[in-house]
Amino acid sequence: MAAKRTSELIPLCHPLPLTQVDVQLAYDESLPGVTLTATARTTGRTGVEMEAMTAVAVAALRCTT
């Protein structure tokens, strides 16, 4: 949901028609925490980096509770 609302959360980001968003959480024993990876896709001719980073940032906030 965070990726879909990126334009509401981050100034100057415009809404994109996302076709897929996936967030993976992996526990890594060599680190003091977890690894979060997000993949975002769209059919538009633009990047979706901000949407993927927003998805990971909000997922990380959720992991702390």
PDB file of N, CA and C in Angstrom:
ATOM      1  N   MET A   1       0.821  -1.190   0.000  1.00  0.00           N
ATOM      2  CA  MET A   1       0.000   0.000   0.000  1.00  0.00           C
ATOM      3  C   MET A   1       0.865   1.254   0.000  1.00  0.00           C
ATOM      4  N   ALA A   2       2.005   1.217   0.662  1.00  0.00           N
ATOM      5  CA  ALA A   2       2.860   2.400   0.710  1.00  0.00           C
ATOM      6  C   ALA A   2       3.353   2.780  -0.679  1.00  0.00           C
ATOM      7  N   ALA A   3       3.698   1.788  -1.499  1.00  0.00           N
ATOM      8  CA  ALA A   3       4.174   2.077  -2.857  1.00  0.00           C
ATOM      9  C   ALA A   3       3.089   2.774  -3.674  1.00  0.00           C
ATOM     10  N   LYS A   4       1.850   2.356  -3.495  1.00  0.00           N
ATOM     11  CA  LYS A   4       0.743   2.968  -4.226  1.00  0.00           C
ATOM     12  C   LYS A   4       0.495   4.403  -3.788  1.00  0.00           C
ATOM     13  N   ARG A   5       0.902   4.762  -2.570  1.00  0.00           N
ATOM     14  CA  ARG A   5       0.630   6.098  -2.036  1.00  0.00           C
ATOM     15  C   ARG A   5       1.868   6.987  -2.016  1.00  0.00           C
ATOM     16  N   THR A   6       2.894   6.622  -2.772  1.00  0.00           N
ATOM     17  CA  THR A   6       4.140   7.382  -2.801  1.00  0.00           C
ATOM     18  C   THR A   6       3.901   8.842  -3.145  1.00  0.00           C
ATOM     19  N   SER A   7       3.044   9.113  -4.110  1.00  0.00           N
ATOM     20  CA  SER A   7       2.810  10.503  -4.524  1.00  0.00           C
ATOM     21  C   SER A   7       2.169  11.329  -3.416  1.00  0.00           C
ATOM     22  N   GLU A   8       1.500  10.680  -2.475  1.00  0.00           N
ATOM     23  CA  GLU A   8       0.911  11.387  -1.338  1.00  0.00           C
ATOM     24  C   GLU A   8       1.931  11.603  -0.225  1.00  0.00           C
ATOM     25  N   LEU A   9       2.933  10.741  -0.162  1.00  0.00           N
ATOM     26  CA  LEU A   9       3.906  10.792   0.925  1.00  0.00           C
ATOM     27  C   LEU A   9       5.145  11.617   0.598  1.00  0.00           C
ATOM     28  N   ILE A  10       5.538  11.670  -0.678  1.00  0.00           N
ATOM     29  CA  ILE A  10       6.774  12.337  -1.073  1.00  0.00           C
ATOM     30  C   ILE A  10       6.465  13.460  -2.060  1.00  0.00           C
ATOM     31  N   PRO A  11       6.833  14.700  -1.712  1.00  0.00           N
ATOM     32  CA  PRO A  11       6.581  15.828  -2.614  1.00  0.00           C
ATOM     33  C   PRO A  11       7.247  15.632  -3.984  1.00  0.00           C
ATOM     34  N   LEU A  12       6.605  16.115  -5.007  1.00  0.00           N
ATOM     35  CA  LEU A  12       7.068  16.106  -6.403  1.00  0.00           C
ATOM     36  C   LEU A  12       7.040  14.730  -7.069  1.00  0.00           C
ATOM     37  N   CYS A  13       6.549  13.711  -6.387  1.00  0.00           N
ATOM     38  CA  CYS A  13       6.348  12.407  -7.023  1.00  0.00           C
ATOM     39  C   CYS A  13       4.935  12.376  -7.595  1.00  0.00           C
ATOM     40  N   HIS A  14       4.813  11.923  -8.823  1.00  0.00           N
ATOM     41  CA  HIS A  14       3.485  11.831  -9.421  1.00  0.00           C
ATOM     42  C   HIS A  14       2.962  10.404  -9.306  1.00  0.00           C
ATOM     43  N   PRO A  15       1.642  10.236  -9.277  1.00  0.00           N
ATOM     44  CA  PRO A  15       1.077   8.883  -9.145  1.00  0.00           C
ATOM     45  C   PRO A  15       1.379   8.043 -10.386  1.00  0.00           C
ATOM     46  N   LEU A  16       1.720   6.787 -10.160  1.00  0.00           N
ATOM     47  CA  LEU A  16       2.025   5.865 -11.262  1.00  0.00           C
ATOM     48  C   LEU A  16       1.050   4.691 -11.241  1.00  0.00           C
ATOM     49  N   PRO A  17       0.713   4.174 -12.426  1.00  0.00           N
ATOM     50  CA  PRO A  17      -0.136   2.976 -12.481  1.00  0.00           C
ATOM     51  C   PRO A  17       0.706   1.715 -12.242  1.00  0.00           C
ATOM     52  N   LEU A  18       0.869   1.337 -10.993  1.00  0.00           N
ATOM     53  CA  LEU A  18       1.682   0.163 -10.658  1.00  0.00           C
ATOM     54  C   LEU A  18       0.952  -1.117 -11.039  1.00  0.00           C
ATOM     55  N   THR A  19       1.692  -2.038 -11.633  1.00  0.00           N
ATOM     56  CA  THR A  19       1.106  -3.321 -12.008  1.00  0.00           C
ATOM     57  C   THR A  19       1.490  -4.428 -11.029  1.00  0.00           C
ATOM     58  N   GLN A  20       2.586  -4.215 -10.292  1.00  0.00           N
ATOM     59  CA  GLN A  20       3.013  -5.211  -9.315  1.00  0.00           C
ATOM     60  C   GLN A  20       3.927  -4.562  -8.291  1.00  0.00           C
ATOM     61  N   VAL A  21       3.751  -4.936  -7.044  1.00  0.00           N
ATOM     62  CA  VAL A  21       4.656  -4.541  -5.959  1.00  0.00           C
ATOM     63  C   VAL A  21       4.871  -5.766  -5.090  1.00  0.00           C
ATOM     64  N   ASP A  22       6.123  -6.064  -4.806  1.00  0.00           N
ATOM     65  CA  ASP A  22       6.448  -7.219  -3.978  1.00  0.00           C
ATOM     66  C   ASP A  22       7.515  -6.806  -2.976  1.00  0.00           C
ATOM     67  N   VAL A  23       7.320  -7.121  -1.717  1.00  0.00           N
ATOM     68  CA  VAL A  23       8.303  -6.839  -0.670  1.00  0.00           C
ATOM     69  C   VAL A  23       8.695  -8.160  -0.029  1.00  0.00           C
ATOM     70  N   GLN A  24       9.995  -8.419  -0.007  1.00  0.00           N
ATOM     71  CA  GLN A  24      10.529  -9.643   0.589  1.00  0.00           C
ATOM     72  C   GLN A  24      11.323  -9.293   1.833  1.00  0.00           C
ATOM     73  N   LEU A  25      11.135 -10.052   2.890  1.00  0.00           N
ATOM     74  CA  LEU A  25      11.849  -9.878   4.141  1.00  0.00           C
ATOM     75  C   LEU A  25      12.657 -11.141   4.379  1.00  0.00           C
ATOM     76  N   ALA A  26      13.951 -10.974   4.628  1.00  0.00           N
ATOM     77  CA  ALA A  26      14.805 -12.143   4.868  1.00  0.00           C
ATOM     78  C   ALA A  26      15.666 -11.896   6.097  1.00  0.00           C
ATOM     79  N   TYR A  27      15.651 -12.844   7.004  1.00  0.00           N
ATOM     80  CA  TYR A  27      16.504 -12.778   8.189  1.00  0.00           C
ATOM     81  C   TYR A  27      17.904 -13.216   7.787  1.00  0.00           C
ATOM     82  N   ASP A  28      18.902 -12.409   8.136  1.00  0.00           N
ATOM     83  CA  ASP A  28      20.292 -12.715   7.809  1.00  0.00           C
ATOM     84  C   ASP A  28      21.078 -12.813   9.109  1.00  0.00           C
ATOM     85  N   GLU A  29      21.524 -13.996   9.441  1.00  0.00           N
ATOM     86  CA  GLU A  29      22.217 -14.212  10.713  1.00  0.00           C
ATOM     87  C   GLU A  29      23.550 -13.481  10.786  1.00  0.00           C
ATOM     88  N   SER A  30      24.133 -13.107   9.643  1.00  0.00           N
ATOM     89  CA  SER A  30      25.404 -12.389   9.666  1.00  0.00           C
ATOM     90  C   SER A  30      25.212 -10.896   9.938  1.00  0.00           C
ATOM     91  N   LEU A  31      23.976 -10.439   9.929  1.00  0.00           N
ATOM     92  CA  LEU A  31      23.666  -9.033  10.196  1.00  0.00           C
ATOM     93  C   LEU A  31      22.890  -8.915  11.501  1.00  0.00           C
ATOM     94  N   PRO A  32      22.904  -7.738  12.082  1.00  0.00           N
ATOM     95  CA  PRO A  32      22.056  -7.540  13.264  1.00  0.00           C
ATOM     96  C   PRO A  32      20.648  -7.106  12.868  1.00  0.00           C
ATOM     97  N   GLY A  33      20.022  -7.827  11.971  1.00  0.00           N
ATOM     98  CA  GLY A  33      18.669  -7.455  11.553  1.00  0.00           C
ATOM     99  C   GLY A  33      18.190  -8.273  10.378  1.00  0.00           C
ATOM    100  N   VAL A  34      17.375  -7.642   9.540  1.00  0.00           N
ATOM    101  CA  VAL A  34      16.784  -8.298   8.382  1.00  0.00           C
ATOM    102  C   VAL A  34      17.164  -7.547   7.113  1.00  0.00           C
ATOM    103  N   THR A  35      16.979  -8.200   5.981  1.00  0.00           N
ATOM    104  CA  THR A  35      17.169  -7.578   4.678  1.00  0.00           C
ATOM    105  C   THR A  35      15.804  -7.443   4.033  1.00  0.00           C
ATOM    106  N   LEU A  36      15.465  -6.234   3.582  1.00  0.00           N
ATOM    107  CA  LEU A  36      14.198  -5.975   2.901  1.00  0.00           C
ATOM    108  C   LEU A  36      14.495  -5.655   1.438  1.00  0.00           C
ATOM    109  N   THR A  37      13.750  -6.293   0.558  1.00  0.00           N
ATOM    110  CA  THR A  37      13.897  -6.051  -0.870  1.00  0.00           C
ATOM    111  C   THR A  37      12.520  -5.795  -1.463  1.00  0.00           C
ATOM    112  N   ALA A  38      12.401  -4.731  -2.246  1.00  0.00           N
ATOM    113  CA  ALA A  38      11.126  -4.422  -2.897  1.00  0.00           C
ATOM    114  C   ALA A  38      11.308  -4.399  -4.400  1.00  0.00           C
ATOM    115  N   THR A  39      10.294  -4.894  -5.102  1.00  0.00           N
ATOM    116  CA  THR A  39      10.237  -4.836  -6.554  1.00  0.00           C
ATOM    117  C   THR A  39       8.931  -4.163  -6.923  1.00  0.00           C
ATOM    118  N   ALA A  40       9.025  -3.165  -7.796  1.00  0.00           N
ATOM    119  CA  ALA A  40       7.828  -2.465  -8.265  1.00  0.00           C
ATOM    120  C   ALA A  40       7.851  -2.449  -9.791  1.00  0.00           C
ATOM    121  N   ARG A  41       6.684  -2.637 -10.381  1.00  0.00           N
ATOM    122  CA  ARG A  41       6.583  -2.650 -11.850  1.00  0.00           C
ATOM    123  C   ARG A  41       5.429  -1.758 -12.293  1.00  0.00           C
ATOM    124  N   THR A  42       5.599  -1.180 -13.481  1.00  0.00           N
ATOM    125  CA  THR A  42       4.557  -0.368 -14.094  1.00  0.00           C
ATOM    126  C   THR A  42       4.620  -0.547 -15.606  1.00  0.00           C
ATOM    127  N   THR A  43       3.523  -0.271 -16.259  1.00  0.00           N
ATOM    128  CA  THR A  43       3.523  -0.315 -17.724  1.00  0.00           C
ATOM    129  C   THR A  43       3.891   1.037 -18.299  1.00  0.00           C
ATOM    130  N   GLY A  44       3.942   2.065 -17.459  1.00  0.00           N
ATOM    131  CA  GLY A  44       4.306   3.405 -17.905  1.00  0.00           C
ATOM    132  C   GLY A  44       5.773   3.495 -18.269  1.00  0.00           C
ATOM    133  N   ARG A  45       6.115   4.557 -18.987  1.00  0.00           N
ATOM    134  CA  ARG A  45       7.497   4.749 -19.416  1.00  0.00           C
ATOM    135  C   ARG A  45       8.225   5.647 -18.424  1.00  0.00           C
ATOM    136  N   THR A  46       8.378   5.143 -17.224  1.00  0.00           N
ATOM    137  CA  THR A  46       9.039   5.883 -16.153  1.00  0.00           C
ATOM    138  C   THR A  46       9.633   4.891 -15.173  1.00  0.00           C
ATOM    139  N   GLY A  47      10.472   5.389 -14.302  1.00  0.00           N
ATOM    140  CA  GLY A  47      11.055   4.532 -13.276  1.00  0.00           C
ATOM    141  C   GLY A  47      10.130   4.408 -12.078  1.00  0.00           C
ATOM    142  N   VAL A  48      10.342   3.395 -11.311  1.00  0.00           N
ATOM    143  CA  VAL A  48       9.537   3.173 -10.110  1.00  0.00           C
ATOM    144  C   VAL A  48      10.432   3.038  -8.878  1.00  0.00           C
ATOM    145  N   GLU A  49      11.584   3.708  -8.920  1.00  0.00           N
ATOM    146  CA  GLU A  49      12.524   3.607  -7.814  1.00  0.00           C
ATOM    147  C   GLU A  49      11.946   4.160  -6.521  1.00  0.00           C
ATOM    148  N   MET A  50      11.294   5.318  -6.590  1.00  0.00           N
ATOM    149  CA  MET A  50      10.747   5.925  -5.384  1.00  0.00           C
ATOM    150  C   MET A  50       9.660   5.050  -4.767  1.00  0.00           C
ATOM    151  N   GLU A  51       8.872   4.406  -5.604  1.00  0.00           N
ATOM    152  CA  GLU A  51       7.823   3.512  -5.100  1.00  0.00           C
ATOM    153  C   GLU A  51       8.431   2.316  -4.384  1.00  0.00           C
ATOM    154  N   ALA A  52       9.490   1.745  -4.937  1.00  0.00           N
ATOM    155  CA  ALA A  52      10.150   0.606  -4.294  1.00  0.00           C
ATOM    156  C   ALA A  52      10.804   1.021  -2.981  1.00  0.00           C
ATOM    157  N   MET A  53      11.455   2.179  -2.969  1.00  0.00           N
ATOM    158  CA  MET A  53      12.097   2.642  -1.733  1.00  0.00           C
ATOM    159  C   MET A  53      11.065   2.980  -0.660  1.00  0.00           C
ATOM    160  N   THR A  54       9.938   3.537  -1.061  1.00  0.00           N
ATOM    161  CA  THR A  54       8.882   3.844  -0.098  1.00  0.00           C
ATOM    162  C   THR A  54       8.319   2.557   0.502  1.00  0.00           C
ATOM    163  N   ALA A  55       8.128   1.549  -0.342  1.00  0.00           N
ATOM    164  CA  ALA A  55       7.614   0.261   0.148  1.00  0.00           C
ATOM    165  C   ALA A  55       8.554  -0.336   1.188  1.00  0.00           C
ATOM    166  N   VAL A  56       9.861  -0.293   0.942  1.00  0.00           N
ATOM    167  CA  VAL A  56      10.836  -0.844   1.882  1.00  0.00           C
ATOM    168  C   VAL A  56      10.884  -0.014   3.160  1.00  0.00           C
ATOM    169  N   ALA A  57      10.837   1.310   3.028  1.00  0.00           N
ATOM    170  CA  ALA A  57      10.908   2.175   4.210  1.00  0.00           C
ATOM    171  C   ALA A  57       9.727   1.930   5.147  1.00  0.00           C
ATOM    172  N   VAL A  58       8.536   1.829   4.591  1.00  0.00           N
ATOM    173  CA  VAL A  58       7.361   1.607   5.426  1.00  0.00           C
ATOM    174  C   VAL A  58       7.369   0.187   5.995  1.00  0.00           C
ATOM    175  N   ALA A  59       7.824  -0.786   5.223  1.00  0.00           N
ATOM    176  CA  ALA A  59       7.931  -2.156   5.731  1.00  0.00           C
ATOM    177  C   ALA A  59       8.931  -2.208   6.887  1.00  0.00           C
ATOM    178  N   ALA A  60      10.025  -1.459   6.788  1.00  0.00           N
ATOM    179  CA  ALA A  60      11.019  -1.436   7.866  1.00  0.00           C
ATOM    180  C   ALA A  60      10.419  -0.834   9.138  1.00  0.00           C
ATOM    181  N   LEU A  61       9.596   0.183   8.990  1.00  0.00           N
ATOM    182  CA  LEU A  61       8.931   0.758  10.155  1.00  0.00           C
ATOM    183  C   LEU A  61       8.041  -0.282  10.827  1.00  0.00           C
ATOM    184  N   ARG A  62       7.371  -1.079  10.016  1.00  0.00           N
ATOM    185  CA  ARG A  62       6.477  -2.114  10.543  1.00  0.00           C
ATOM    186  C   ARG A  62       7.266  -3.209  11.252  1.00  0.00           C
ATOM    187  N   CYS A  63       8.481  -3.494  10.785  1.00  0.00           N
ATOM    188  CA  CYS A  63       9.309  -4.542  11.388  1.00  0.00           C
ATOM    189  C   CYS A  63       9.780  -4.165  12.786  1.00  0.00           C
ATOM    190  N   THR A  64       9.772  -2.899  13.111  1.00  0.00           N
ATOM    191  CA  THR A  64      10.287  -2.472  14.408  1.00  0.00           C
ATOM    192  C   THR A  64       9.248  -2.593  15.510  1.00  0.00           C
ATOM    193  N   THR A  65       8.000  -2.887  15.148  1.00  0.00           N
ATOM    194  CA  THR A  65       6.961  -2.964  16.185  1.00  0.00           C
ATOM    195  C   THR A  65       6.727  -4.379  16.634  1.00  0.00           C
TER     196      THR A  65
END
